[in-house]
Amino acid sequence: MLTILLSWIYTALICTLIGTGVLCAVKKIKFSWTCYMMAGIIAITVYVEFFSIFAKIGILAHGIMIVAALFIGYFRRKELGQLFRTYRGVICSWEGFFYCCFILLIAFFTSRGDFHTDTNIYHAAAIRLYEEYGVLKGAGNLQLHYAYNSAYLAFASIFSLNWLFGRSLHTTTGLLEVVMCLYAFHGLKDFKRHESHMADMMRVGILFYTLVNVTRSMSPATDYAVMYFVFFVLTAWCDYMEQKNIEGDMAAYAMLAVAAVFVATLKFSACLLVLLAIYPAVSFIKEKRWKEIAVYILCGCLILIPFFIRNYLISGWLLYPFDGIDIFQPEWKIPKEYLLIDAGQIKVWGRCLYDIAKIDLPVTEWFPVWWEHQFRYEQMFLGAVFLAALLQSIILFVRLVRKRPPCFSLVVLHLTIWGNLIVWFFMAPFIRYGLAFLFAVIMMAVGECISMKWEGFFRIVTGGLLFCILVSVSPYWDQYITDAGVFVKHTLKEPYYIWQKDYDVGNMESLEINGNRIYFATEDEVNSYHVYPGTCYEGMLERSTLIGDKIEDGFRAK
């Protein structure tokens, strides 16, 4: 726990400095500390992706980042001083004491427990590849999961600090939990003074989501990072809608749209979050603010370019596992038949069919199977989403009757959320893949409902729906509160109060290719961080070979 806390302080400081420099360079608006922090995470991640194309992520990459942070700290000392003065009163108060206790609690969860399944399959190993090679051509041939290329693993790799400690820190997910929960708590303290409560309820959704994943806080799992960034973008969007006459509001919306582009690089299945860009784009075009349009397009391109380059180098495809854009033919390209099988497996596993031969089943046939495979508390939660959608329809109807239709920014927000949910449902409807958007439907409906004045029949109907939503959601959070309590009871005596639990070792054997030793998992699916390069699947290794005589030359299909 001690090293976790020190790691968080260090990471938060670096991210805040970098984020302040980035936001001040784009637009001089006063932002919250969370915005500077998230901007710093985005900027550092993009930097690491660029750097990894040319070299491994080690002391040199870290040193350059530190120099940049110090440089920004000096030249933006005025803005940083104002930021410190803004929050100084919070630090020295009972509110600050509560935050400290909460941070210690999350540090406890981040220090021990079980890793996310996918962390053992490829997250940890992919981080090791960043540290040892930067990028390996055709690494997706060695194991297809590497080709998913989530940008979050770049951020995790630069704060792993293996080069310094001789062991890898995996504290970034816990830090995201802390940052987002403090953002939620700090906003909720003024709940009574807010006229509208959509942002408040989204903050409650952040706390619910943290409860769901808190026992696996030490995993650098890409799903968690995606959902937290989705929550941040959606919550901040609601916050801006509810504020009156904020300075530079359209610029703030535009920056959130840029953050939405970043979310697509964390997991491309969330790419429709970029639909949020419709709102600021329409406004800028109407006002002919061409220079600002160019700036934000450039920001989006800077985020996407290293992501696309790494996709090409790792898999030979621009977007893996999407075969619709087939424009490259490098030697290390993953064969199309492997890509199609991988994409099909993602779909059928998401639908709980577990047989790629059933990929073309119509929704009427696979939906009952998928529904029966959900736990009862998950079915209740999905029922709450349905009720919330019904509540949203009633709210829209009443607004139209009262001749107060929703503002354009709210329409775009709803369009974005439902667009992502449609993609999620038909592509790979694992609950965890779309949890932030599912929560958003519930929380925004409840927040909008309690913000409106209801009378007569509609007061009874909306009150009944709110009660039913509460009842339907209750088993979900009750399940995870129980899990967290059991977790604390069973792990309290584990010796991880200085150093956190290390990555699982796993049972690995090896094959020799051109004089180089390549590792593969045997009995369990643990692609160990501790040996490299490695794969979970011997079959994938057997159908691959090295391009040249060295591992650095990359892998190709036989």
Protein backbone atom coordinates (compact mmCIF):
# COMPACT_ATOMS: atom_id res chain seq x y z
CA MET A 1 0.00 0.00 0.00
CA LEU A 2 2.84 2.39 0.79
CA THR A 3 4.35 2.12 -2.69
CA ILE A 4 0.88 2.47 -4.20
CA LEU A 5 0.28 5.76 -2.39
CA LEU A 6 3.69 7.10 -3.40
CA SER A 7 3.08 5.97 -6.97
CA TRP A 8 -0.29 7.76 -7.04
CA ILE A 9 1.16 11.01 -5.70
CA TYR A 10 3.94 10.92 -8.28
CA THR A 11 1.66 9.94 -11.20
CA ALA A 12 -0.99 12.51 -10.27
CA LEU A 13 1.65 15.26 -10.04
CA ILE A 14 3.11 14.43 -13.45
CA CYS A 15 -0.33 14.13 -15.07
CA THR A 16 -1.51 17.42 -13.54
CA LEU A 17 1.56 19.28 -14.79
CA ILE A 18 1.31 17.83 -18.29
CA GLY A 19 -2.46 18.31 -18.40
CA THR A 20 -2.19 21.94 -17.34
CA GLY A 21 0.26 22.60 -20.14
CA VAL A 22 -1.93 20.89 -22.73
CA LEU A 23 -5.21 22.60 -21.79
CA CYS A 24 -3.62 26.02 -21.42
CA ALA A 25 -1.99 25.62 -24.84
CA VAL A 26 -5.31 24.75 -26.50
CA LYS A 27 -7.63 27.16 -24.66
CA LYS A 28 -7.18 29.32 -21.57
CA ILE A 29 -10.26 28.38 -19.57
CA LYS A 30 -10.40 27.57 -15.89
CA PHE A 31 -10.90 23.83 -15.48
CA SER A 32 -11.23 21.56 -12.46
CA TRP A 33 -8.28 19.51 -11.25
CA THR A 34 -9.94 16.38 -12.68
CA CYS A 35 -9.93 17.90 -16.16
CA TYR A 36 -6.22 18.73 -15.93
CA MET A 37 -5.56 15.24 -14.61
CA MET A 38 -7.48 13.49 -17.39
CA ALA A 39 -5.90 15.73 -20.05
CA GLY A 40 -2.50 14.75 -18.64
CA ILE A 41 -3.34 11.05 -18.89
CA ILE A 42 -4.39 11.51 -22.52
CA ALA A 43 -1.27 13.49 -23.44
CA ILE A 44 1.11 11.07 -21.72
CA THR A 45 -0.59 8.08 -23.32
CA VAL A 46 -0.26 9.59 -26.81
CA TYR A 47 3.38 10.45 -26.10
CA VAL A 48 4.14 6.87 -25.01
CA GLU A 49 2.44 5.48 -28.11
CA PHE A 50 4.58 7.71 -30.34
CA PHE A 51 7.76 6.90 -28.41
CA SER A 52 7.10 3.14 -28.49
CA ILE A 53 7.21 3.19 -32.30
CA PHE A 54 10.92 4.05 -32.11
CA ALA A 55 12.16 2.69 -28.78
CA LYS A 56 11.21 0.76 -25.67
CA ILE A 57 9.47 2.42 -22.75
CA GLY A 58 12.12 2.71 -20.07
CA ILE A 59 14.28 5.28 -18.34
CA LEU A 60 14.76 7.46 -21.45
CA ALA A 61 11.02 7.75 -22.15
CA HIS A 62 10.40 8.48 -18.48
CA GLY A 63 13.17 11.07 -18.29
CA ILE A 64 11.82 13.01 -21.25
CA MET A 65 8.36 13.01 -19.66
CA ILE A 66 9.75 14.36 -16.36
CA VAL A 67 11.68 17.13 -18.13
CA ALA A 68 8.53 18.13 -20.02
CA ALA A 69 6.51 18.15 -16.78
CA LEU A 70 9.09 20.36 -15.00
CA PHE A 71 9.26 22.68 -17.99
CA ILE A 72 5.47 23.08 -17.97
CA GLY A 73 5.45 23.48 -14.20
CA TYR A 74 7.82 26.43 -14.46
CA PHE A 75 6.09 28.24 -17.31
CA ARG A 76 2.58 27.54 -16.00
CA ARG A 77 3.33 28.21 -12.35
CA LYS A 78 0.70 30.96 -12.22
CA GLU A 79 -2.12 28.64 -13.34
CA LEU A 80 -0.85 25.88 -11.05
CA GLY A 81 -0.74 28.30 -8.12
CA GLN A 82 -4.36 29.28 -8.77
CA LEU A 83 -5.31 25.60 -8.95
CA PHE A 84 -3.62 24.90 -5.63
CA ARG A 85 -5.33 27.85 -3.95
CA THR A 86 -8.69 26.63 -5.26
CA TYR A 87 -8.34 23.28 -3.51
CA ARG A 88 -6.21 24.26 -0.50
CA GLY A 89 -9.29 24.75 1.67
CA VAL A 90 -10.59 21.31 0.76
CA ILE A 91 -7.33 19.62 1.73
CA CYS A 92 -7.37 21.15 5.22
CA SER A 93 -10.96 20.22 6.12
CA TRP A 94 -13.16 17.32 7.17
CA GLU A 95 -13.95 16.83 3.50
CA GLY A 96 -10.24 16.39 2.85
CA PHE A 97 -9.99 13.94 5.75
CA PHE A 98 -12.80 11.88 4.20
CA TYR A 99 -10.97 11.88 0.87
CA CYS A 100 -7.77 10.66 2.54
CA CYS A 101 -9.63 7.79 4.20
CA PHE A 102 -11.21 6.88 0.88
CA ILE A 103 -7.82 6.93 -0.87
CA LEU A 104 -6.44 4.55 1.77
CA LEU A 105 -9.40 2.25 1.19
CA ILE A 106 -8.81 2.10 -2.58
CA ALA A 107 -5.08 1.60 -1.94
CA PHE A 108 -5.99 -1.46 0.11
CA PHE A 109 -8.02 -2.91 -2.76
CA THR A 110 -5.26 -2.05 -5.24
CA SER A 111 -2.64 -3.90 -3.21
CA ARG A 112 -4.10 -7.42 -3.31
CA GLY A 113 -6.71 -9.80 -4.69
CA ASP A 114 -7.19 -11.51 -8.04
CA PHE A 115 -6.28 -10.19 -11.45
CA HIS A 116 -8.81 -9.69 -14.20
CA THR A 117 -8.81 -12.76 -16.47
CA ASP A 118 -7.65 -10.73 -19.47
CA THR A 119 -4.79 -9.25 -17.45
CA ASN A 120 -3.31 -12.73 -17.12
CA ILE A 121 -4.11 -13.52 -20.76
CA TYR A 122 -2.51 -10.46 -22.35
CA HIS A 123 -2.63 -7.11 -20.47
CA ALA A 124 0.45 -7.77 -18.33
CA ALA A 125 2.37 -9.36 -21.20
CA ALA A 126 1.54 -6.44 -23.52
CA ILE A 127 2.88 -4.00 -20.91
CA ARG A 128 6.10 -6.05 -20.80
CA LEU A 129 6.37 -5.80 -24.59
CA TYR A 130 6.18 -2.00 -24.28
CA GLU A 131 8.98 -2.11 -21.72
CA GLU A 132 11.26 -4.45 -23.66
CA TYR A 133 10.63 -3.58 -27.32
CA GLY A 134 8.25 -0.63 -27.62
CA VAL A 135 6.44 -2.33 -30.46
CA LEU A 136 6.99 -5.69 -32.18
CA LYS A 137 6.04 -6.08 -35.81
CA GLY A 138 3.45 -8.79 -36.17
CA ALA A 139 3.11 -9.36 -32.42
CA GLY A 140 -0.53 -10.21 -33.13
CA ASN A 141 0.64 -13.37 -34.87
CA LEU A 142 2.22 -14.52 -31.62
CA GLN A 143 -1.09 -13.88 -29.84
CA LEU A 144 -4.07 -12.22 -31.46
CA HIS A 145 -4.94 -10.28 -28.30
CA TYR A 146 -1.85 -8.09 -28.71
CA ALA A 147 -3.41 -6.70 -31.89
CA TYR A 148 -6.26 -5.13 -29.89
CA ASN A 149 -3.68 -2.43 -29.06
CA SER A 150 -5.53 -0.59 -26.29
CA ALA A 151 -3.84 2.75 -25.66
CA TYR A 152 -4.40 2.32 -21.92
CA LEU A 153 -1.59 -0.23 -21.74
CA ALA A 154 0.78 2.47 -23.01
CA PHE A 155 -0.12 4.65 -20.02
CA ALA A 156 0.24 1.69 -17.65
CA SER A 157 3.67 0.84 -19.08
CA ILE A 158 5.33 4.21 -18.42
CA PHE A 159 4.25 4.17 -14.77
CA SER A 160 5.12 0.50 -14.33
CA LEU A 161 8.68 1.60 -13.38
CA ASN A 162 10.16 -1.87 -13.82
CA TRP A 163 13.45 -0.27 -14.84
CA LEU A 164 13.62 1.42 -11.41
CA PHE A 165 12.27 -1.19 -8.99
CA GLY A 166 12.99 -4.46 -10.80
CA ARG A 167 9.29 -5.27 -10.51
CA SER A 168 6.23 -3.84 -12.18
CA LEU A 169 3.82 -1.47 -10.46
CA HIS A 170 0.22 -1.82 -11.62
CA THR A 171 -1.42 1.07 -9.84
CA THR A 172 -2.97 3.07 -12.68
CA THR A 173 -6.45 1.55 -12.46
CA GLY A 174 -6.61 2.30 -8.76
CA LEU A 175 -5.54 5.87 -9.50
CA LEU A 176 -8.33 6.25 -12.07
CA GLU A 177 -10.79 5.02 -9.45
CA VAL A 178 -9.52 7.55 -6.93
CA VAL A 179 -9.59 10.47 -9.38
CA MET A 180 -13.08 9.69 -10.66
CA CYS A 181 -14.55 9.04 -7.22
CA LEU A 182 -13.10 12.27 -5.78
CA TYR A 183 -14.58 14.03 -8.80
CA ALA A 184 -17.95 12.45 -7.98
CA PHE A 185 -17.82 13.17 -4.24
CA HIS A 186 -16.72 16.77 -4.72
CA GLY A 187 -19.56 17.44 -7.14
CA LEU A 188 -22.23 15.71 -5.06
CA LYS A 189 -21.59 17.85 -1.99
CA ASP A 190 -23.56 20.69 -3.66
CA PHE A 191 -26.46 18.43 -4.66
CA LYS A 192 -29.11 20.52 -2.88
CA ARG A 193 -28.00 23.73 -4.58
CA HIS A 194 -28.19 22.28 -8.09
CA GLU A 195 -31.30 23.01 -10.10
CA SER A 196 -30.66 20.07 -12.44
CA HIS A 197 -29.34 16.71 -11.32
CA MET A 198 -28.27 14.78 -14.41
CA ALA A 199 -24.58 15.38 -13.67
CA ASP A 200 -25.17 14.53 -10.00
CA MET A 201 -26.74 11.19 -10.88
CA MET A 202 -23.93 10.45 -13.33
CA ARG A 203 -21.56 11.01 -10.42
CA VAL A 204 -23.55 8.43 -8.46
CA GLY A 205 -23.08 6.12 -11.46
CA ILE A 206 -19.30 6.57 -11.14
CA LEU A 207 -19.47 5.43 -7.51
CA PHE A 208 -21.63 2.44 -8.47
CA TYR A 209 -19.19 1.45 -11.20
CA THR A 210 -16.25 1.67 -8.79
CA LEU A 211 -18.10 -0.63 -6.41
CA VAL A 212 -18.52 -3.17 -9.23
CA ASN A 213 -14.78 -3.34 -9.98
CA VAL A 214 -13.11 -2.39 -6.72
CA THR A 215 -11.93 -5.92 -5.86
CA ARG A 216 -9.84 -5.97 -9.06
CA SER A 217 -8.39 -2.51 -8.73
CA MET A 218 -4.84 -3.74 -9.23
CA SER A 219 -5.53 -5.04 -12.74
CA PRO A 220 -4.48 -2.76 -15.62
CA ALA A 221 -7.67 -3.91 -17.35
CA THR A 222 -8.57 -2.00 -20.49
CA ASP A 223 -12.33 -2.30 -19.85
CA TYR A 224 -12.04 -0.32 -16.63
CA ALA A 225 -10.11 2.53 -18.25
CA VAL A 226 -12.61 2.77 -21.12
CA MET A 227 -15.61 2.92 -18.82
CA TYR A 228 -14.05 5.50 -16.49
CA PHE A 229 -13.22 7.79 -19.40
CA VAL A 230 -16.74 7.33 -20.79
CA PHE A 231 -18.13 8.28 -17.38
CA PHE A 232 -15.87 11.33 -17.25
CA VAL A 233 -16.87 12.57 -20.70
CA LEU A 234 -20.60 12.01 -20.15
CA THR A 235 -20.61 13.49 -16.63
CA ALA A 236 -18.60 16.56 -17.62
CA TRP A 237 -20.91 17.02 -20.62
CA CYS A 238 -23.96 17.00 -18.31
CA ASP A 239 -22.16 19.37 -15.96
CA TYR A 240 -21.51 21.89 -18.75
CA MET A 241 -25.15 21.68 -19.88
CA GLU A 242 -26.36 22.50 -16.40
CA GLN A 243 -24.04 25.46 -15.83
CA LYS A 244 -25.18 28.89 -16.96
CA ASN A 245 -23.01 31.24 -19.00
CA ILE A 246 -19.77 29.41 -18.37
CA GLU A 247 -16.72 30.97 -19.96
CA GLY A 248 -15.76 29.35 -23.23
CA ASP A 249 -18.42 26.65 -22.91
CA MET A 250 -18.26 25.56 -26.55
CA ALA A 251 -14.50 25.10 -26.29
CA ALA A 252 -15.10 22.86 -23.27
CA TYR A 253 -17.53 20.74 -25.29
CA ALA A 254 -14.98 20.53 -28.10
CA MET A 255 -12.31 19.30 -25.71
CA LEU A 256 -14.67 16.62 -24.46
CA ALA A 257 -15.18 15.58 -28.07
CA VAL A 258 -11.40 15.25 -28.39
CA ALA A 259 -11.40 13.12 -25.23
CA ALA A 260 -14.06 10.96 -26.92
CA VAL A 261 -11.61 10.34 -29.76
CA PHE A 262 -9.11 9.16 -27.15
CA VAL A 263 -11.70 6.74 -25.74
CA ALA A 264 -11.89 5.12 -29.18
CA THR A 265 -8.16 4.30 -28.92
CA LEU A 266 -8.73 2.68 -25.53
CA LYS A 267 -11.31 0.36 -27.07
CA PHE A 268 -12.60 0.89 -30.57
CA SER A 269 -16.00 -0.59 -29.71
CA ALA A 270 -16.70 2.73 -27.91
CA CYS A 271 -15.88 4.77 -31.02
CA LEU A 272 -19.41 6.16 -31.40
CA LEU A 273 -18.71 8.36 -28.40
CA VAL A 274 -17.21 10.73 -30.99
CA LEU A 275 -20.79 11.53 -32.07
CA LEU A 276 -20.57 14.13 -29.31
CA ALA A 277 -18.46 16.18 -31.70
CA ILE A 278 -21.63 16.98 -33.69
CA TYR A 279 -22.67 19.63 -31.16
CA PRO A 280 -19.50 21.78 -31.04
CA ALA A 281 -18.88 21.21 -34.77
CA VAL A 282 -22.30 22.63 -35.73
CA SER A 283 -21.77 25.61 -33.45
CA PHE A 284 -18.27 26.36 -34.75
CA ILE A 285 -19.38 26.07 -38.37
CA LYS A 286 -22.32 28.42 -37.77
CA GLU A 287 -20.01 30.97 -36.17
CA LYS A 288 -17.27 30.37 -38.80
CA ARG A 289 -14.64 29.64 -36.16
CA TRP A 290 -12.43 27.84 -38.66
CA LYS A 291 -9.20 28.24 -36.71
CA GLU A 292 -10.66 26.49 -33.66
CA ILE A 293 -12.08 23.74 -35.84
CA ALA A 294 -8.60 23.16 -37.26
CA VAL A 295 -7.06 23.07 -33.76
CA TYR A 296 -9.49 20.43 -32.47
CA ILE A 297 -9.22 18.33 -35.63
CA LEU A 298 -5.44 18.45 -35.23
CA CYS A 299 -5.77 17.31 -31.60
CA GLY A 300 -7.92 14.38 -32.70
CA CYS A 301 -5.44 13.45 -35.42
CA LEU A 302 -2.51 13.54 -32.98
CA ILE A 303 -4.40 11.06 -30.81
CA LEU A 304 -5.29 8.72 -33.69
CA ILE A 305 -2.01 8.71 -35.65
CA PRO A 306 0.14 6.68 -33.21
CA PHE A 307 -2.79 4.36 -32.56
CA PHE A 308 -3.15 3.60 -36.27
CA ILE A 309 0.61 3.24 -36.77
CA ARG A 310 0.84 0.76 -33.92
CA ASN A 311 -2.16 -1.13 -35.30
CA TYR A 312 -0.35 -1.43 -38.62
CA LEU A 313 2.91 -2.56 -37.05
CA ILE A 314 1.35 -5.06 -34.65
CA SER A 315 -1.23 -6.62 -36.96
CA GLY A 316 -0.77 -5.33 -40.50
CA TRP A 317 -4.34 -3.97 -40.32
CA LEU A 318 -5.47 -0.40 -39.77
CA LEU A 319 -8.17 -1.55 -37.34
CA TYR A 320 -8.02 -5.01 -35.84
CA PRO A 321 -10.21 -7.15 -35.82
CA PHE A 322 -12.11 -5.19 -38.48
CA ASP A 323 -11.59 -6.43 -42.05
CA GLY A 324 -13.55 -3.64 -43.76
CA ILE A 325 -10.37 -1.59 -44.30
CA ASP A 326 -7.88 -3.89 -46.02
CA ILE A 327 -5.26 -1.62 -47.59
CA PHE A 328 -1.89 -2.98 -46.37
CA GLN A 329 -0.01 -6.13 -47.28
CA PRO A 330 3.09 -6.25 -45.04
CA GLU A 331 4.96 -9.47 -44.43
CA TRP A 332 3.77 -9.60 -40.82
CA LYS A 333 0.06 -9.15 -41.58
CA ILE A 334 -2.27 -11.39 -39.58
CA PRO A 335 -4.05 -13.65 -42.12
CA LYS A 336 -7.63 -12.63 -42.78
CA GLU A 337 -8.98 -16.04 -41.82
CA TYR A 338 -7.46 -15.66 -38.33
CA LEU A 339 -8.93 -12.16 -38.00
CA LEU A 340 -12.41 -13.35 -38.97
CA ILE A 341 -12.28 -16.20 -36.47
CA ASP A 342 -11.14 -13.85 -33.72
CA ALA A 343 -13.85 -11.29 -34.52
CA GLY A 344 -16.43 -14.07 -34.64
CA GLN A 345 -15.33 -15.45 -31.28
CA ILE A 346 -15.72 -12.02 -29.69
CA LYS A 347 -19.29 -11.88 -30.99
CA VAL A 348 -20.39 -15.39 -30.01
CA TRP A 349 -18.78 -15.18 -26.57
CA GLY A 350 -20.49 -11.85 -25.98
CA ARG A 351 -23.78 -13.49 -26.93
CA CYS A 352 -23.01 -16.49 -24.66
CA LEU A 353 -23.17 -18.90 -27.61
CA TYR A 354 -19.51 -20.04 -27.37
CA ASP A 355 -19.62 -21.60 -30.84
CA ILE A 356 -18.45 -19.63 -33.87
CA ALA A 357 -20.69 -21.76 -36.09
CA LYS A 358 -23.65 -19.92 -34.50
CA ILE A 359 -22.42 -16.44 -35.41
CA ASP A 360 -25.17 -15.90 -38.00
CA LEU A 361 -28.05 -16.79 -35.69
CA PRO A 362 -30.76 -14.09 -35.80
CA VAL A 363 -31.28 -11.98 -32.70
CA THR A 364 -34.56 -13.77 -31.97
CA GLU A 365 -32.61 -17.02 -31.44
CA TRP A 366 -29.50 -15.84 -29.60
CA PHE A 367 -31.18 -13.26 -27.34
CA PRO A 368 -33.02 -15.87 -25.17
CA VAL A 369 -29.74 -17.77 -24.73
CA TRP A 370 -27.88 -14.59 -23.80
CA TRP A 371 -30.61 -13.57 -21.36
CA GLU A 372 -30.59 -16.92 -19.56
CA HIS A 373 -26.83 -16.71 -19.07
CA GLN A 374 -27.09 -13.44 -17.13
CA PHE A 375 -27.15 -13.64 -13.35
CA ARG A 376 -30.42 -12.67 -11.74
CA TYR A 377 -29.02 -9.39 -10.39
CA GLU A 378 -27.80 -8.55 -13.92
CA GLN A 379 -31.25 -9.28 -15.35
CA MET A 380 -32.74 -6.96 -12.74
CA PHE A 381 -30.20 -4.29 -13.69
CA LEU A 382 -31.08 -4.61 -17.39
CA GLY A 383 -34.73 -4.34 -16.37
CA ALA A 384 -33.85 -1.03 -14.69
CA VAL A 385 -32.31 0.16 -17.98
CA PHE A 386 -35.56 -0.68 -19.79
CA LEU A 387 -37.61 1.20 -17.17
CA ALA A 388 -35.23 4.15 -17.42
CA ALA A 389 -35.69 4.22 -21.19
CA LEU A 390 -39.45 4.29 -20.63
CA LEU A 391 -38.99 7.14 -18.16
CA GLN A 392 -36.90 9.05 -20.72
CA SER A 393 -39.72 8.65 -23.26
CA ILE A 394 -42.26 10.08 -20.79
CA ILE A 395 -39.96 13.01 -20.00
CA LEU A 396 -39.54 13.75 -23.71
CA PHE A 397 -43.31 13.59 -24.25
CA VAL A 398 -43.99 15.97 -21.36
CA ARG A 399 -41.32 18.39 -22.59
CA LEU A 400 -42.90 18.48 -26.03
CA VAL A 401 -46.38 18.99 -24.56
CA ARG A 402 -45.08 21.86 -22.43
CA LYS A 403 -43.33 23.26 -25.53
CA ARG A 404 -39.92 22.94 -23.85
CA PRO A 405 -38.06 20.48 -26.07
CA PRO A 406 -34.60 19.33 -24.93
CA CYS A 407 -31.62 21.42 -25.96
CA PHE A 408 -29.47 20.30 -28.89
CA SER A 409 -26.56 19.30 -26.64
CA LEU A 410 -28.84 16.94 -24.69
CA VAL A 411 -30.22 15.43 -27.90
CA VAL A 412 -26.68 14.74 -29.12
CA LEU A 413 -25.81 13.21 -25.76
CA HIS A 414 -28.78 10.81 -25.85
CA LEU A 415 -28.04 9.95 -29.48
CA THR A 416 -24.45 9.11 -28.54
CA ILE A 417 -25.38 6.92 -25.57
CA TRP A 418 -28.01 4.94 -27.46
CA GLY A 419 -25.79 4.63 -30.53
CA ASN A 420 -23.09 3.03 -28.41
CA LEU A 421 -25.60 0.73 -26.73
CA ILE A 422 -26.91 -0.48 -30.08
CA VAL A 423 -23.37 -1.26 -31.24
CA TRP A 424 -22.64 -2.97 -27.92
CA PHE A 425 -25.78 -5.11 -28.07
CA PHE A 426 -25.31 -6.39 -31.61
CA MET A 427 -21.53 -6.77 -31.52
CA ALA A 428 -20.55 -8.25 -28.13
CA PRO A 429 -23.09 -7.69 -25.33
CA PHE A 430 -20.96 -8.60 -22.34
CA ILE A 431 -22.36 -6.45 -19.53
CA ARG A 432 -18.91 -5.13 -18.61
CA TYR A 433 -18.29 -3.91 -22.18
CA GLY A 434 -21.18 -1.44 -22.04
CA LEU A 435 -21.63 -0.82 -18.33
CA ALA A 436 -20.95 2.94 -18.38
CA PHE A 437 -23.54 3.48 -21.11
CA LEU A 438 -26.08 1.27 -19.33
CA PHE A 439 -25.56 3.22 -16.12
CA ALA A 440 -25.84 6.46 -18.10
CA VAL A 441 -29.36 5.58 -19.29
CA ILE A 442 -30.50 4.96 -15.72
CA MET A 443 -28.73 7.87 -14.07
CA MET A 444 -29.61 10.49 -16.65
CA ALA A 445 -33.28 9.45 -16.65
CA VAL A 446 -33.44 9.62 -12.86
CA GLY A 447 -31.53 12.91 -12.75
CA GLU A 448 -33.72 14.55 -15.37
CA CYS A 449 -36.87 13.24 -13.69
CA ILE A 450 -36.09 14.57 -10.22
CA SER A 451 -35.12 17.93 -11.76
CA MET A 452 -38.57 18.48 -13.26
CA LYS A 453 -41.79 19.59 -11.58
CA TRP A 454 -44.48 16.92 -11.88
CA GLU A 455 -48.19 17.24 -11.27
CA GLY A 456 -51.22 14.96 -11.27
CA PHE A 457 -51.14 11.75 -13.27
CA PHE A 458 -47.53 12.14 -14.45
CA ARG A 459 -46.37 12.64 -10.86
CA ILE A 460 -47.81 9.23 -9.96
CA VAL A 461 -46.41 7.51 -13.08
CA THR A 462 -42.88 8.91 -12.78
CA GLY A 463 -42.81 8.29 -9.03
CA GLY A 464 -43.80 4.67 -9.62
CA LEU A 465 -41.12 4.26 -12.28
CA LEU A 466 -38.46 5.74 -10.00
CA PHE A 467 -39.43 3.29 -7.28
CA CYS A 468 -39.30 0.34 -9.70
CA ILE A 469 -35.88 1.45 -11.00
CA LEU A 470 -34.56 1.64 -7.43
CA VAL A 471 -35.87 -1.85 -6.66
CA SER A 472 -34.40 -3.25 -9.89
CA VAL A 473 -30.95 -1.74 -9.31
CA SER A 474 -30.74 -2.73 -5.63
CA PRO A 475 -29.70 -6.39 -6.15
CA TYR A 476 -26.87 -5.20 -8.40
CA TRP A 477 -25.15 -2.94 -5.89
CA ASP A 478 -26.02 -5.32 -3.04
CA GLN A 479 -24.14 -8.09 -4.88
CA TYR A 480 -20.96 -6.03 -5.10
CA ILE A 481 -21.17 -4.58 -1.60
CA THR A 482 -21.24 -8.17 -0.36
CA ASP A 483 -18.32 -9.08 -2.62
CA ALA A 484 -16.28 -6.16 -1.30
CA GLY A 485 -17.00 -7.11 2.31
CA VAL A 486 -16.00 -10.72 1.74
CA PHE A 487 -12.86 -9.54 -0.08
CA VAL A 488 -11.76 -7.40 2.86
CA LYS A 489 -12.39 -10.24 5.32
CA HIS A 490 -10.36 -12.77 3.31
CA THR A 491 -7.42 -10.54 2.36
CA LEU A 492 -6.96 -8.34 5.43
CA LYS A 493 -4.05 -10.42 6.72
CA GLU A 494 -2.22 -10.67 3.39
CA PRO A 495 1.26 -9.06 3.54
CA TYR A 496 0.82 -6.34 0.92
CA TYR A 497 1.01 -3.21 3.05
CA ILE A 498 4.35 -2.08 1.58
CA TRP A 499 4.46 -3.60 -1.91
CA GLN A 500 1.38 -4.64 -3.84
CA LYS A 501 0.87 -8.19 -5.04
CA ASP A 502 3.00 -8.98 -8.09
CA TYR A 503 1.67 -10.32 -11.38
CA ASP A 504 0.84 -14.03 -11.38
CA VAL A 505 3.73 -16.26 -12.49
CA GLY A 506 1.89 -18.98 -14.42
CA ASN A 507 3.17 -22.23 -15.87
CA MET A 508 5.24 -21.43 -18.96
CA GLU A 509 7.24 -23.58 -21.33
CA SER A 510 9.20 -22.48 -24.37
CA LEU A 511 10.08 -23.20 -27.98
CA GLU A 512 13.21 -22.12 -29.80
CA ILE A 513 12.82 -20.25 -33.10
CA ASN A 514 15.96 -19.16 -34.97
CA GLY A 515 17.92 -19.42 -31.73
CA ASN A 516 15.42 -17.29 -29.78
CA ARG A 517 13.34 -18.61 -26.89
CA ILE A 518 9.60 -17.90 -27.08
CA TYR A 519 7.33 -18.80 -24.16
CA PHE A 520 3.82 -20.24 -24.03
CA ALA A 521 1.39 -21.06 -21.23
CA THR A 522 0.70 -24.73 -20.46
CA GLU A 523 -1.98 -25.75 -17.95
CA ASP A 524 -3.44 -22.33 -17.15
CA GLU A 525 -4.08 -19.29 -19.34
CA VAL A 526 -1.50 -17.09 -17.67
CA ASN A 527 0.72 -15.31 -20.18
CA SER A 528 3.31 -14.43 -17.59
CA TYR A 529 4.65 -10.89 -17.32
CA HIS A 530 7.88 -12.34 -15.97
CA VAL A 531 9.09 -13.98 -19.21
CA TYR A 532 8.98 -12.48 -22.69
CA PRO A 533 7.93 -12.64 -25.40
CA GLY A 534 5.14 -15.04 -24.59
CA THR A 535 1.71 -16.26 -25.60
CA CYS A 536 -1.17 -17.96 -23.86
CA TYR A 537 -1.68 -20.37 -26.73
CA GLU A 538 0.86 -22.87 -28.02
CA GLY A 539 -1.19 -23.25 -31.20
CA MET A 540 -0.73 -19.57 -32.09
CA LEU A 541 3.02 -19.90 -31.51
CA GLU A 542 3.24 -23.02 -33.69
CA ARG A 543 1.58 -21.29 -36.65
CA SER A 544 3.96 -18.30 -36.38
CA THR A 545 7.65 -17.72 -36.94
CA LEU A 546 10.17 -14.91 -36.72
CA ILE A 547 10.64 -12.60 -39.69
CA GLY A 548 14.42 -12.55 -39.19
CA ASP A 549 17.00 -13.90 -36.78
CA LYS A 550 16.07 -11.65 -33.86
CA ILE A 551 12.90 -11.14 -31.85
CA GLU A 552 13.14 -7.43 -32.67
CA ASP A 553 12.54 -8.32 -36.33
CA GLY A 554 8.99 -9.34 -35.44
CA PHE A 555 6.68 -12.26 -36.16
CA ARG A 556 4.80 -13.44 -39.22
CA ALA A 557 2.37 -16.25 -39.95
CA LYS A 558 3.94 -19.40 -41.39
